Amino acid sequence: MSRLTIIVAATTSNGIGVGGRLPWRLPKEMRYFAKVTSQAPEGKRNAVLMGRNTWESIPKKFRPLPNRLNVVISRNKEYALYVAFFIPQTVLSSVRDGQAVLAPNFEGALAATEQDDVHRNFIIGGAQLYTETLSLADRVLMTRIVSPAFEECDVKMPDFLALGHWRQASHKELETWVGFDVVEGEKEENGVRYEFQMWVRE
């Protein structure tokens, strides 16, 4: 099975959303997400795997996320994507010509990424997919929202630190893995304090 990286922004109580949207507006953090998930060797690209609600939370003008293979999981075979291909669970179909593909389940989503040009697989949400894939991921790229608490969050991701053995990587390890310089320590944007972290399974 391909190695999986979960990438998520979450509060200290693991809140990730409210009312189907992000409770914060952090353009610099979003640029970090875009760069991390897009960075790949020449001739390669990354895949971003997501549930239907996460896909729909992306403004239409920004989807599919560019320069990445977007894999959207939905049991609805008729669900229309910007560019839609349906990947049957038992068929490993070539989807090179599309930036966005539809898969019926997580197994089908992984099948869609089994291409020579796919470099890394990122799980980008939502909560149900994080829960389903947490035991399979070997890395969590966490934007930890330090403050405020955003207690209104009605969607949370699992507490991965309570599930399995994880080690927080050093900042240098984070930079080496993502392949570019990352601002170290807490930073503030639009009144929100957050920190870029990387956790690896031991």
N, C-alpha and C. Protein backbone atom coordinates (compact mmCIF):
# COMPACT_ATOMS: atom_id res chain seq x y z
N MET A 1 0.84 -1.20 0.00
CA MET A 1 0.00 0.00 0.00
C MET A 1 0.87 1.25 0.00
N SER A 2 0.45 2.26 -0.75
CA SER A 2 1.19 3.51 -0.81
C SER A 2 1.23 4.17 0.56
N ARG A 3 2.33 4.84 0.84
CA ARG A 3 2.42 5.58 2.09
C ARG A 3 1.46 6.76 2.05
N LEU A 4 0.88 7.05 3.21
CA LEU A 4 -0.13 8.11 3.29
C LEU A 4 0.33 9.19 4.25
N THR A 5 0.07 10.42 3.88
CA THR A 5 0.34 11.56 4.74
C THR A 5 -0.98 12.29 4.98
N ILE A 6 -1.34 12.45 6.24
CA ILE A 6 -2.49 13.26 6.60
C ILE A 6 -2.02 14.70 6.72
N ILE A 7 -2.73 15.63 6.12
CA ILE A 7 -2.42 17.05 6.28
C ILE A 7 -3.68 17.74 6.75
N VAL A 8 -3.55 18.51 7.84
CA VAL A 8 -4.74 19.05 8.50
C VAL A 8 -4.36 20.27 9.33
N ALA A 9 -5.31 21.20 9.46
CA ALA A 9 -5.20 22.30 10.42
C ALA A 9 -6.23 22.03 11.50
N ALA A 10 -5.80 22.01 12.75
CA ALA A 10 -6.70 21.65 13.84
C ALA A 10 -6.35 22.42 15.10
N THR A 11 -7.37 22.70 15.90
CA THR A 11 -7.17 23.38 17.17
C THR A 11 -6.54 22.42 18.18
N THR A 12 -6.23 22.93 19.35
CA THR A 12 -5.63 22.08 20.39
C THR A 12 -6.60 21.02 20.88
N SER A 13 -7.91 21.22 20.63
CA SER A 13 -8.90 20.18 20.96
C SER A 13 -9.34 19.43 19.70
N ASN A 14 -8.55 19.58 18.62
CA ASN A 14 -8.73 18.85 17.36
C ASN A 14 -9.95 19.29 16.55
N GLY A 15 -10.44 20.51 16.79
CA GLY A 15 -11.50 21.05 15.95
C GLY A 15 -10.97 21.39 14.58
N ILE A 16 -11.74 21.02 13.53
CA ILE A 16 -11.28 21.29 12.17
C ILE A 16 -12.31 22.02 11.32
N GLY A 17 -13.53 22.20 11.82
CA GLY A 17 -14.53 22.87 11.00
C GLY A 17 -15.78 23.22 11.78
N VAL A 18 -16.56 24.12 11.19
CA VAL A 18 -17.85 24.49 11.77
C VAL A 18 -18.80 24.82 10.62
N GLY A 19 -19.96 24.21 10.66
CA GLY A 19 -20.95 24.48 9.62
C GLY A 19 -20.48 24.18 8.22
N GLY A 20 -19.63 23.17 8.06
CA GLY A 20 -19.16 22.80 6.74
C GLY A 20 -18.08 23.69 6.16
N ARG A 21 -17.43 24.49 6.99
CA ARG A 21 -16.38 25.38 6.49
C ARG A 21 -15.28 25.49 7.54
N LEU A 22 -14.17 26.10 7.14
CA LEU A 22 -13.10 26.37 8.09
C LEU A 22 -13.50 27.55 8.97
N PRO A 23 -13.22 27.49 10.26
CA PRO A 23 -13.59 28.60 11.14
C PRO A 23 -12.57 29.73 11.16
N TRP A 24 -11.54 29.63 10.37
CA TRP A 24 -10.50 30.67 10.31
C TRP A 24 -10.19 30.99 8.86
N ARG A 25 -9.60 32.17 8.66
CA ARG A 25 -9.16 32.56 7.32
C ARG A 25 -7.67 32.86 7.39
N LEU A 26 -6.87 31.95 6.84
CA LEU A 26 -5.42 32.05 6.97
C LEU A 26 -4.78 31.86 5.59
N PRO A 27 -4.70 32.93 4.80
CA PRO A 27 -4.13 32.81 3.45
C PRO A 27 -2.71 32.25 3.42
N LYS A 28 -1.87 32.65 4.37
CA LYS A 28 -0.49 32.14 4.37
C LYS A 28 -0.46 30.65 4.68
N GLU A 29 -1.33 30.23 5.57
CA GLU A 29 -1.40 28.81 5.90
C GLU A 29 -1.90 28.03 4.69
N MET A 30 -2.85 28.58 3.95
CA MET A 30 -3.35 27.92 2.75
C MET A 30 -2.28 27.83 1.68
N ARG A 31 -1.43 28.84 1.59
CA ARG A 31 -0.32 28.78 0.62
C ARG A 31 0.66 27.67 1.01
N TYR A 32 0.87 27.50 2.31
CA TYR A 32 1.72 26.41 2.79
C TYR A 32 1.12 25.07 2.38
N PHE A 33 -0.18 24.89 2.62
CA PHE A 33 -0.87 23.66 2.23
C PHE A 33 -0.70 23.41 0.73
N ALA A 34 -0.91 24.44 -0.07
CA ALA A 34 -0.82 24.29 -1.52
C ALA A 34 0.59 23.90 -1.94
N LYS A 35 1.60 24.52 -1.33
CA LYS A 35 2.98 24.24 -1.71
C LYS A 35 3.39 22.83 -1.29
N VAL A 36 3.01 22.44 -0.08
CA VAL A 36 3.35 21.10 0.40
C VAL A 36 2.74 20.03 -0.49
N THR A 37 1.46 20.19 -0.80
CA THR A 37 0.77 19.15 -1.56
C THR A 37 1.09 19.19 -3.04
N SER A 38 1.68 20.28 -3.52
CA SER A 38 2.03 20.39 -4.94
C SER A 38 3.48 20.03 -5.22
N GLN A 39 4.35 20.16 -4.22
CA GLN A 39 5.79 19.96 -4.41
C GLN A 39 6.09 18.52 -4.78
N ALA A 40 6.67 18.31 -5.96
CA ALA A 40 7.00 16.96 -6.42
C ALA A 40 8.15 17.05 -7.40
N PRO A 41 8.92 15.97 -7.53
CA PRO A 41 10.02 15.97 -8.51
C PRO A 41 9.48 16.20 -9.92
N GLU A 42 10.37 16.67 -10.80
CA GLU A 42 9.97 16.92 -12.19
C GLU A 42 9.40 15.66 -12.82
N GLY A 43 8.28 15.80 -13.48
CA GLY A 43 7.64 14.67 -14.11
C GLY A 43 6.71 13.90 -13.19
N LYS A 44 6.62 14.35 -11.95
CA LYS A 44 5.76 13.69 -10.97
C LYS A 44 4.69 14.66 -10.49
N ARG A 45 3.69 14.13 -9.84
CA ARG A 45 2.68 14.94 -9.18
C ARG A 45 2.19 14.20 -7.95
N ASN A 46 1.57 14.93 -7.05
CA ASN A 46 1.01 14.33 -5.85
C ASN A 46 -0.49 14.12 -6.03
N ALA A 47 -1.04 13.24 -5.21
CA ALA A 47 -2.48 13.02 -5.18
C ALA A 47 -3.04 13.55 -3.86
N VAL A 48 -4.19 14.20 -3.93
CA VAL A 48 -4.90 14.64 -2.73
C VAL A 48 -6.22 13.88 -2.68
N LEU A 49 -6.41 13.12 -1.61
CA LEU A 49 -7.59 12.29 -1.45
C LEU A 49 -8.53 12.96 -0.46
N MET A 50 -9.82 13.00 -0.80
CA MET A 50 -10.77 13.73 0.04
C MET A 50 -12.16 13.14 -0.07
N GLY A 51 -12.97 13.41 0.94
CA GLY A 51 -14.38 13.07 0.89
C GLY A 51 -15.14 14.11 0.09
N ARG A 52 -16.39 13.76 -0.25
CA ARG A 52 -17.21 14.66 -1.08
C ARG A 52 -17.43 16.00 -0.40
N ASN A 53 -17.68 16.01 0.91
CA ASN A 53 -17.93 17.29 1.60
C ASN A 53 -16.72 18.20 1.54
N THR A 54 -15.53 17.61 1.65
CA THR A 54 -14.31 18.43 1.53
C THR A 54 -14.19 19.00 0.13
N TRP A 55 -14.45 18.18 -0.88
CA TRP A 55 -14.45 18.66 -2.27
C TRP A 55 -15.39 19.84 -2.43
N GLU A 56 -16.61 19.72 -1.88
CA GLU A 56 -17.60 20.77 -2.04
C GLU A 56 -17.27 22.01 -1.23
N SER A 57 -16.41 21.88 -0.21
CA SER A 57 -16.01 23.05 0.58
C SER A 57 -14.99 23.90 -0.15
N ILE A 58 -14.38 23.35 -1.20
CA ILE A 58 -13.42 24.11 -2.01
C ILE A 58 -14.22 24.95 -3.00
N PRO A 59 -14.02 26.27 -3.03
CA PRO A 59 -14.76 27.09 -4.01
C PRO A 59 -14.61 26.53 -5.41
N LYS A 60 -15.69 26.56 -6.19
CA LYS A 60 -15.70 25.95 -7.52
C LYS A 60 -14.57 26.46 -8.40
N LYS A 61 -14.24 27.74 -8.26
CA LYS A 61 -13.20 28.30 -9.14
C LYS A 61 -11.81 27.75 -8.82
N PHE A 62 -11.67 27.10 -7.64
CA PHE A 62 -10.37 26.57 -7.25
C PHE A 62 -10.28 25.05 -7.39
N ARG A 63 -11.36 24.41 -7.87
CA ARG A 63 -11.29 22.96 -7.99
C ARG A 63 -11.43 22.52 -9.44
N PRO A 64 -10.76 21.47 -9.80
CA PRO A 64 -9.88 20.68 -8.94
C PRO A 64 -8.62 21.46 -8.54
N LEU A 65 -8.05 21.10 -7.41
CA LEU A 65 -6.81 21.76 -6.97
C LEU A 65 -5.76 21.53 -8.04
N PRO A 66 -5.14 22.60 -8.54
CA PRO A 66 -4.24 22.47 -9.70
C PRO A 66 -2.96 21.72 -9.39
N ASN A 67 -2.41 21.11 -10.44
CA ASN A 67 -1.12 20.43 -10.39
C ASN A 67 -1.10 19.23 -9.45
N ARG A 68 -2.29 18.73 -9.12
CA ARG A 68 -2.41 17.56 -8.26
C ARG A 68 -3.52 16.67 -8.81
N LEU A 69 -3.38 15.37 -8.59
CA LEU A 69 -4.47 14.46 -8.91
C LEU A 69 -5.46 14.52 -7.75
N ASN A 70 -6.67 15.01 -8.01
CA ASN A 70 -7.72 15.11 -6.99
C ASN A 70 -8.55 13.83 -7.03
N VAL A 71 -8.62 13.13 -5.91
CA VAL A 71 -9.41 11.91 -5.84
C VAL A 71 -10.51 12.13 -4.80
N VAL A 72 -11.76 12.09 -5.26
CA VAL A 72 -12.91 12.38 -4.41
C VAL A 72 -13.67 11.08 -4.16
N ILE A 73 -13.93 10.80 -2.90
CA ILE A 73 -14.60 9.57 -2.52
C ILE A 73 -16.08 9.84 -2.29
N SER A 74 -16.92 9.12 -3.03
CA SER A 74 -18.36 9.23 -2.87
C SER A 74 -19.01 7.93 -3.30
N ARG A 75 -20.01 7.47 -2.54
CA ARG A 75 -20.73 6.26 -2.92
C ARG A 75 -21.70 6.52 -4.07
N ASN A 76 -21.95 7.80 -4.37
CA ASN A 76 -22.87 8.17 -5.44
C ASN A 76 -22.15 8.08 -6.79
N LYS A 77 -22.46 7.05 -7.56
CA LYS A 77 -21.76 6.84 -8.83
C LYS A 77 -22.09 7.93 -9.85
N GLU A 78 -23.18 8.63 -9.63
CA GLU A 78 -23.60 9.67 -10.57
C GLU A 78 -23.11 11.05 -10.18
N TYR A 79 -22.36 11.13 -9.08
CA TYR A 79 -21.90 12.45 -8.62
C TYR A 79 -21.00 13.08 -9.68
N ALA A 80 -21.27 14.33 -10.02
CA ALA A 80 -20.54 15.01 -11.10
C ALA A 80 -19.39 15.83 -10.55
N LEU A 81 -18.21 15.53 -10.98
CA LEU A 81 -17.03 16.32 -10.66
C LEU A 81 -16.75 17.27 -11.83
N TYR A 82 -15.79 18.16 -11.61
CA TYR A 82 -15.36 19.06 -12.69
C TYR A 82 -14.92 18.25 -13.90
N VAL A 83 -14.07 17.23 -13.64
CA VAL A 83 -13.72 16.22 -14.63
C VAL A 83 -13.95 14.90 -13.94
N ALA A 84 -14.85 14.08 -14.42
CA ALA A 84 -15.25 12.91 -13.65
C ALA A 84 -14.94 11.60 -14.38
N PHE A 85 -14.31 10.73 -13.66
CA PHE A 85 -14.13 9.35 -14.08
C PHE A 85 -14.56 8.50 -12.89
N PHE A 86 -15.19 7.38 -13.12
CA PHE A 86 -15.55 6.50 -12.01
C PHE A 86 -14.58 5.33 -11.98
N ILE A 87 -14.00 5.08 -10.82
CA ILE A 87 -13.02 4.01 -10.67
C ILE A 87 -13.68 2.86 -9.92
N PRO A 88 -14.10 1.80 -10.61
CA PRO A 88 -14.69 0.66 -9.91
C PRO A 88 -13.71 0.09 -8.89
N GLN A 89 -14.24 -0.48 -7.83
CA GLN A 89 -13.41 -0.95 -6.73
C GLN A 89 -12.37 -1.97 -7.20
N THR A 90 -12.74 -2.80 -8.16
CA THR A 90 -11.85 -3.89 -8.56
C THR A 90 -11.06 -3.59 -9.82
N VAL A 91 -11.17 -2.39 -10.33
CA VAL A 91 -10.49 -2.06 -11.59
C VAL A 91 -9.45 -0.97 -11.35
N LEU A 92 -8.23 -1.20 -11.82
CA LEU A 92 -7.19 -0.20 -11.73
C LEU A 92 -7.12 0.50 -13.08
N SER A 93 -7.91 1.54 -13.24
CA SER A 93 -8.02 2.22 -14.52
C SER A 93 -7.01 3.35 -14.62
N SER A 94 -6.57 3.64 -15.83
CA SER A 94 -5.68 4.77 -16.04
C SER A 94 -6.49 6.06 -16.03
N VAL A 95 -6.04 7.04 -15.24
CA VAL A 95 -6.75 8.31 -15.17
C VAL A 95 -5.80 9.46 -15.42
N ARG A 96 -4.79 9.23 -16.24
CA ARG A 96 -3.77 10.25 -16.48
C ARG A 96 -4.34 11.53 -17.05
N ASP A 97 -5.38 11.45 -17.83
CA ASP A 97 -5.88 12.63 -18.52
C ASP A 97 -6.74 13.52 -17.63
N GLY A 98 -7.07 13.09 -16.43
CA GLY A 98 -7.95 13.88 -15.58
C GLY A 98 -7.23 14.40 -14.36
N GLN A 99 -7.64 15.57 -13.91
CA GLN A 99 -7.11 16.10 -12.65
C GLN A 99 -8.00 15.71 -11.48
N ALA A 100 -9.24 15.37 -11.75
CA ALA A 100 -10.15 14.98 -10.68
C ALA A 100 -10.82 13.67 -11.05
N VAL A 101 -10.84 12.73 -10.12
CA VAL A 101 -11.46 11.43 -10.35
C VAL A 101 -12.37 11.10 -9.18
N LEU A 102 -13.35 10.26 -9.45
CA LEU A 102 -14.32 9.84 -8.46
C LEU A 102 -14.05 8.38 -8.11
N ALA A 103 -14.07 8.08 -6.82
CA ALA A 103 -13.87 6.71 -6.36
C ALA A 103 -14.98 6.35 -5.39
N PRO A 104 -15.40 5.08 -5.36
CA PRO A 104 -16.53 4.69 -4.51
C PRO A 104 -16.18 4.51 -3.05
N ASN A 105 -14.89 4.34 -2.76
CA ASN A 105 -14.44 4.09 -1.40
C ASN A 105 -12.93 4.33 -1.33
N PHE A 106 -12.37 4.15 -0.14
CA PHE A 106 -10.96 4.44 0.03
C PHE A 106 -10.09 3.50 -0.80
N GLU A 107 -10.48 2.23 -0.88
CA GLU A 107 -9.70 1.29 -1.69
C GLU A 107 -9.67 1.73 -3.15
N GLY A 108 -10.81 2.18 -3.66
CA GLY A 108 -10.85 2.68 -5.03
C GLY A 108 -10.02 3.93 -5.20
N ALA A 109 -10.00 4.77 -4.15
CA ALA A 109 -9.19 5.99 -4.22
C ALA A 109 -7.71 5.66 -4.33
N LEU A 110 -7.27 4.68 -3.55
CA LEU A 110 -5.86 4.28 -3.64
C LEU A 110 -5.55 3.69 -5.01
N ALA A 111 -6.50 2.93 -5.56
CA ALA A 111 -6.29 2.36 -6.89
C ALA A 111 -6.08 3.47 -7.91
N ALA A 112 -6.80 4.57 -7.74
CA ALA A 112 -6.68 5.70 -8.68
C ALA A 112 -5.32 6.35 -8.62
N THR A 113 -4.60 6.19 -7.51
CA THR A 113 -3.29 6.84 -7.37
C THR A 113 -2.15 5.92 -7.77
N GLU A 114 -2.45 4.70 -8.15
CA GLU A 114 -1.38 3.76 -8.50
C GLU A 114 -0.92 4.00 -9.93
N GLN A 115 -0.24 5.12 -10.09
CA GLN A 115 0.29 5.52 -11.39
C GLN A 115 1.76 5.87 -11.22
N ASP A 116 2.52 5.69 -12.29
CA ASP A 116 3.95 5.92 -12.22
C ASP A 116 4.31 7.35 -11.85
N ASP A 117 3.43 8.31 -12.20
CA ASP A 117 3.79 9.70 -11.97
C ASP A 117 3.28 10.25 -10.64
N VAL A 118 2.65 9.43 -9.82
CA VAL A 118 2.18 9.91 -8.51
C VAL A 118 3.30 9.75 -7.49
N HIS A 119 3.68 10.86 -6.89
CA HIS A 119 4.80 10.90 -5.96
C HIS A 119 4.36 10.62 -4.52
N ARG A 120 3.40 11.40 -4.03
CA ARG A 120 2.93 11.25 -2.64
C ARG A 120 1.41 11.31 -2.60
N ASN A 121 0.84 10.62 -1.61
CA ASN A 121 -0.60 10.64 -1.38
C ASN A 121 -0.90 11.42 -0.10
N PHE A 122 -1.72 12.46 -0.23
CA PHE A 122 -2.12 13.28 0.92
C PHE A 122 -3.61 13.09 1.20
N ILE A 123 -3.94 12.81 2.45
CA ILE A 123 -5.33 12.78 2.90
C ILE A 123 -5.66 14.18 3.40
N ILE A 124 -6.65 14.86 2.76
CA ILE A 124 -6.90 16.26 3.11
C ILE A 124 -8.26 16.47 3.77
N GLY A 125 -8.97 15.41 4.12
CA GLY A 125 -10.22 15.56 4.85
C GLY A 125 -11.38 14.90 4.14
N GLY A 126 -12.49 14.84 4.84
CA GLY A 126 -12.77 15.40 6.14
C GLY A 126 -12.57 14.42 7.27
N ALA A 127 -13.33 14.67 8.37
CA ALA A 127 -13.14 13.93 9.60
C ALA A 127 -13.31 12.43 9.41
N GLN A 128 -14.31 12.03 8.63
CA GLN A 128 -14.54 10.60 8.43
C GLN A 128 -13.36 9.94 7.73
N LEU A 129 -12.81 10.62 6.74
CA LEU A 129 -11.66 10.05 6.03
C LEU A 129 -10.42 10.05 6.91
N TYR A 130 -10.24 11.08 7.73
CA TYR A 130 -9.13 11.07 8.68
C TYR A 130 -9.25 9.87 9.61
N THR A 131 -10.46 9.61 10.10
CA THR A 131 -10.68 8.49 11.00
C THR A 131 -10.37 7.17 10.31
N GLU A 132 -10.81 7.04 9.06
CA GLU A 132 -10.63 5.79 8.32
C GLU A 132 -9.17 5.51 7.99
N THR A 133 -8.39 6.55 7.79
CA THR A 133 -7.02 6.37 7.30
C THR A 133 -5.94 6.57 8.36
N LEU A 134 -6.32 6.98 9.56
CA LEU A 134 -5.32 7.31 10.57
C LEU A 134 -4.42 6.12 10.89
N SER A 135 -4.97 4.94 10.94
CA SER A 135 -4.16 3.76 11.28
C SER A 135 -3.23 3.37 10.12
N LEU A 136 -3.47 3.92 8.93
CA LEU A 136 -2.67 3.59 7.76
C LEU A 136 -1.61 4.63 7.45
N ALA A 137 -1.78 5.84 7.98
CA ALA A 137 -0.85 6.94 7.68
C ALA A 137 0.43 6.79 8.47
N ASP A 138 1.54 7.20 7.86
CA ASP A 138 2.81 7.15 8.57
C ASP A 138 3.32 8.55 8.92
N ARG A 139 2.51 9.58 8.57
CA ARG A 139 2.95 10.95 8.80
C ARG A 139 1.72 11.85 8.91
N VAL A 140 1.80 12.82 9.83
CA VAL A 140 0.75 13.84 9.95
C VAL A 140 1.42 15.19 9.86
N LEU A 141 1.05 15.97 8.85
CA LEU A 141 1.48 17.37 8.75
C LEU A 141 0.38 18.20 9.39
N MET A 142 0.68 18.74 10.55
CA MET A 142 -0.31 19.42 11.37
C MET A 142 -0.05 20.92 11.42
N THR A 143 -1.04 21.70 11.04
CA THR A 143 -1.01 23.11 11.39
C THR A 143 -1.79 23.21 12.69
N ARG A 144 -1.08 23.37 13.79
CA ARG A 144 -1.73 23.39 15.10
C ARG A 144 -2.21 24.81 15.39
N ILE A 145 -3.52 24.98 15.46
CA ILE A 145 -4.11 26.27 15.80
C ILE A 145 -4.01 26.43 17.31
N VAL A 146 -3.14 27.31 17.75
CA VAL A 146 -2.86 27.46 19.18
C VAL A 146 -3.91 28.32 19.87
N SER A 147 -4.29 29.42 19.24
CA SER A 147 -5.31 30.29 19.80
C SER A 147 -5.89 31.16 18.69
N PRO A 148 -7.16 31.56 18.84
CA PRO A 148 -8.08 31.23 19.92
C PRO A 148 -8.51 29.76 19.87
N ALA A 149 -9.40 29.36 20.80
CA ALA A 149 -9.76 27.96 20.94
C ALA A 149 -10.76 27.49 19.89
N PHE A 150 -11.48 28.42 19.26
CA PHE A 150 -12.52 28.07 18.29
C PHE A 150 -13.43 26.96 18.84
N GLU A 151 -14.01 27.27 20.00
CA GLU A 151 -14.86 26.29 20.67
C GLU A 151 -16.14 25.98 19.88
N GLU A 152 -16.44 26.82 18.88
CA GLU A 152 -17.65 26.58 18.08
C GLU A 152 -17.48 25.44 17.08
N CYS A 153 -16.28 24.90 16.94
CA CYS A 153 -16.06 23.82 15.99
C CYS A 153 -17.01 22.66 16.27
N ASP A 154 -17.73 22.23 15.24
CA ASP A 154 -18.64 21.10 15.39
C ASP A 154 -18.15 19.86 14.66
N VAL A 155 -16.95 19.95 14.08
CA VAL A 155 -16.32 18.79 13.45
C VAL A 155 -14.91 18.67 14.01
N LYS A 156 -14.56 17.46 14.41
CA LYS A 156 -13.23 17.23 14.97
C LYS A 156 -12.59 16.02 14.31
N MET A 157 -11.26 16.05 14.26
CA MET A 157 -10.53 14.88 13.80
C MET A 157 -10.17 14.03 15.01
N PRO A 158 -9.87 12.76 14.83
CA PRO A 158 -9.48 11.93 15.96
C PRO A 158 -8.20 12.45 16.61
N ASP A 159 -8.05 12.18 17.88
CA ASP A 159 -6.81 12.54 18.59
C ASP A 159 -5.76 11.51 18.23
N PHE A 160 -5.01 11.78 17.17
CA PHE A 160 -4.07 10.77 16.67
C PHE A 160 -2.98 10.44 17.69
N LEU A 161 -2.65 11.40 18.57
CA LEU A 161 -1.60 11.15 19.56
C LEU A 161 -2.03 10.10 20.58
N ALA A 162 -3.34 9.92 20.72
CA ALA A 162 -3.85 8.90 21.63
C ALA A 162 -4.00 7.56 20.93
N LEU A 163 -3.78 7.55 19.62
CA LEU A 163 -3.95 6.33 18.83
C LEU A 163 -2.64 5.98 18.16
N GLY A 164 -1.84 5.16 18.79
CA GLY A 164 -0.56 4.77 18.21
C GLY A 164 0.58 5.59 18.80
N HIS A 165 1.77 5.26 18.34
CA HIS A 165 2.99 5.90 18.84
C HIS A 165 3.51 6.88 17.79
N TRP A 166 3.54 8.15 18.15
CA TRP A 166 3.95 9.20 17.24
C TRP A 166 5.08 10.02 17.87
N ARG A 167 5.96 10.49 17.02
CA ARG A 167 7.06 11.36 17.45
C ARG A 167 6.98 12.66 16.68
N GLN A 168 7.09 13.78 17.41
CA GLN A 168 7.12 15.06 16.71
C GLN A 168 8.50 15.25 16.10
N ALA A 169 8.54 15.42 14.80
CA ALA A 169 9.80 15.60 14.09
C ALA A 169 10.36 16.99 14.39
N SER A 170 11.66 17.12 14.21
CA SER A 170 12.29 18.43 14.39
C SER A 170 11.89 19.34 13.22
N HIS A 171 12.10 20.62 13.43
CA HIS A 171 11.78 21.56 12.35
C HIS A 171 12.63 21.28 11.12
N LYS A 172 13.87 20.90 11.33
CA LYS A 172 14.75 20.58 10.20
C LYS A 172 14.22 19.38 9.43
N GLU A 173 13.73 18.37 10.14
CA GLU A 173 13.15 17.21 9.47
C GLU A 173 11.94 17.61 8.63
N LEU A 174 11.13 18.50 9.18
CA LEU A 174 9.96 18.99 8.44
C LEU A 174 10.40 19.67 7.15
N GLU A 175 11.37 20.57 7.25
CA GLU A 175 11.83 21.28 6.05
C GLU A 175 12.43 20.32 5.03
N THR A 176 13.19 19.35 5.50
CA THR A 176 13.80 18.39 4.59
C THR A 176 12.72 17.60 3.86
N TRP A 177 11.68 17.19 4.58
CA TRP A 177 10.64 16.36 3.95
C TRP A 177 9.81 17.16 2.95
N VAL A 178 9.41 18.38 3.32
CA VAL A 178 8.58 19.16 2.39
C VAL A 178 9.40 19.74 1.26
N GLY A 179 10.70 19.95 1.48
CA GLY A 179 11.58 20.40 0.41
C GLY A 179 11.69 21.91 0.24
N PHE A 180 11.32 22.68 1.27
CA PHE A 180 11.47 24.13 1.21
C PHE A 180 11.54 24.69 2.62
N ASP A 181 11.94 25.96 2.73
CA ASP A 181 12.04 26.61 4.03
C ASP A 181 10.66 26.87 4.62
N VAL A 182 10.52 26.61 5.92
CA VAL A 182 9.26 26.80 6.64
C VAL A 182 9.54 27.67 7.86
N VAL A 183 8.70 28.67 8.07
CA VAL A 183 8.87 29.54 9.24
C VAL A 183 8.74 28.70 10.51
N GLU A 184 9.70 28.83 11.40
CA GLU A 184 9.72 28.03 12.62
C GLU A 184 8.96 28.71 13.75
N GLY A 185 8.34 27.93 14.61
CA GLY A 185 7.66 28.45 15.79
C GLY A 185 6.28 29.00 15.47
N GLU A 186 5.67 29.58 16.51
CA GLU A 186 4.33 30.12 16.33
C GLU A 186 4.36 31.39 15.49
N LYS A 187 3.31 31.56 14.70
CA LYS A 187 3.15 32.76 13.91
C LYS A 187 1.71 33.23 14.06
N GLU A 188 1.45 34.51 13.75
CA GLU A 188 0.11 35.06 13.89
C GLU A 188 -0.38 35.59 12.57
N GLU A 189 -1.62 35.27 12.25
CA GLU A 189 -2.25 35.73 11.01
C GLU A 189 -3.73 35.97 11.29
N ASN A 190 -4.18 37.16 11.00
CA ASN A 190 -5.59 37.53 11.24
C ASN A 190 -6.06 37.19 12.65
N GLY A 191 -5.18 37.44 13.62
CA GLY A 191 -5.53 37.21 15.02
C GLY A 191 -5.48 35.76 15.46
N VAL A 192 -4.99 34.88 14.60
CA VAL A 192 -4.89 33.46 14.92
C VAL A 192 -3.42 33.07 15.04
N ARG A 193 -3.09 32.38 16.12
CA ARG A 193 -1.72 31.90 16.32
C ARG A 193 -1.68 30.41 15.97
N TYR A 194 -0.67 30.03 15.18
CA TYR A 194 -0.57 28.63 14.78
C TYR A 194 0.89 28.27 14.53
N GLU A 195 1.14 26.96 14.42
CA GLU A 195 2.48 26.45 14.23
C GLU A 195 2.45 25.27 13.28
N PHE A 196 3.41 25.20 12.37
CA PHE A 196 3.54 24.07 11.46
C PHE A 196 4.30 22.95 12.17
N GLN A 197 3.73 21.76 12.19
CA GLN A 197 4.36 20.61 12.85
C GLN A 197 4.33 19.41 11.91
N MET A 198 5.23 18.47 12.18
CA MET A 198 5.21 17.18 11.50
C MET A 198 5.35 16.09 12.53
N TRP A 199 4.49 15.10 12.45
CA TRP A 199 4.52 13.94 13.36
C TRP A 199 4.72 12.70 12.51
N VAL A 200 5.60 11.80 12.97
CA VAL A 200 5.86 10.58 12.25
C VAL A 200 5.59 9.38 13.15
N ARG A 201 5.06 8.33 12.53
CA ARG A 201 4.75 7.13 13.29
C ARG A 201 6.05 6.41 13.66
N GLU A 202 6.15 5.99 14.89
CA GLU A 202 7.35 5.26 15.34
C GLU A 202 7.14 3.76 15.19
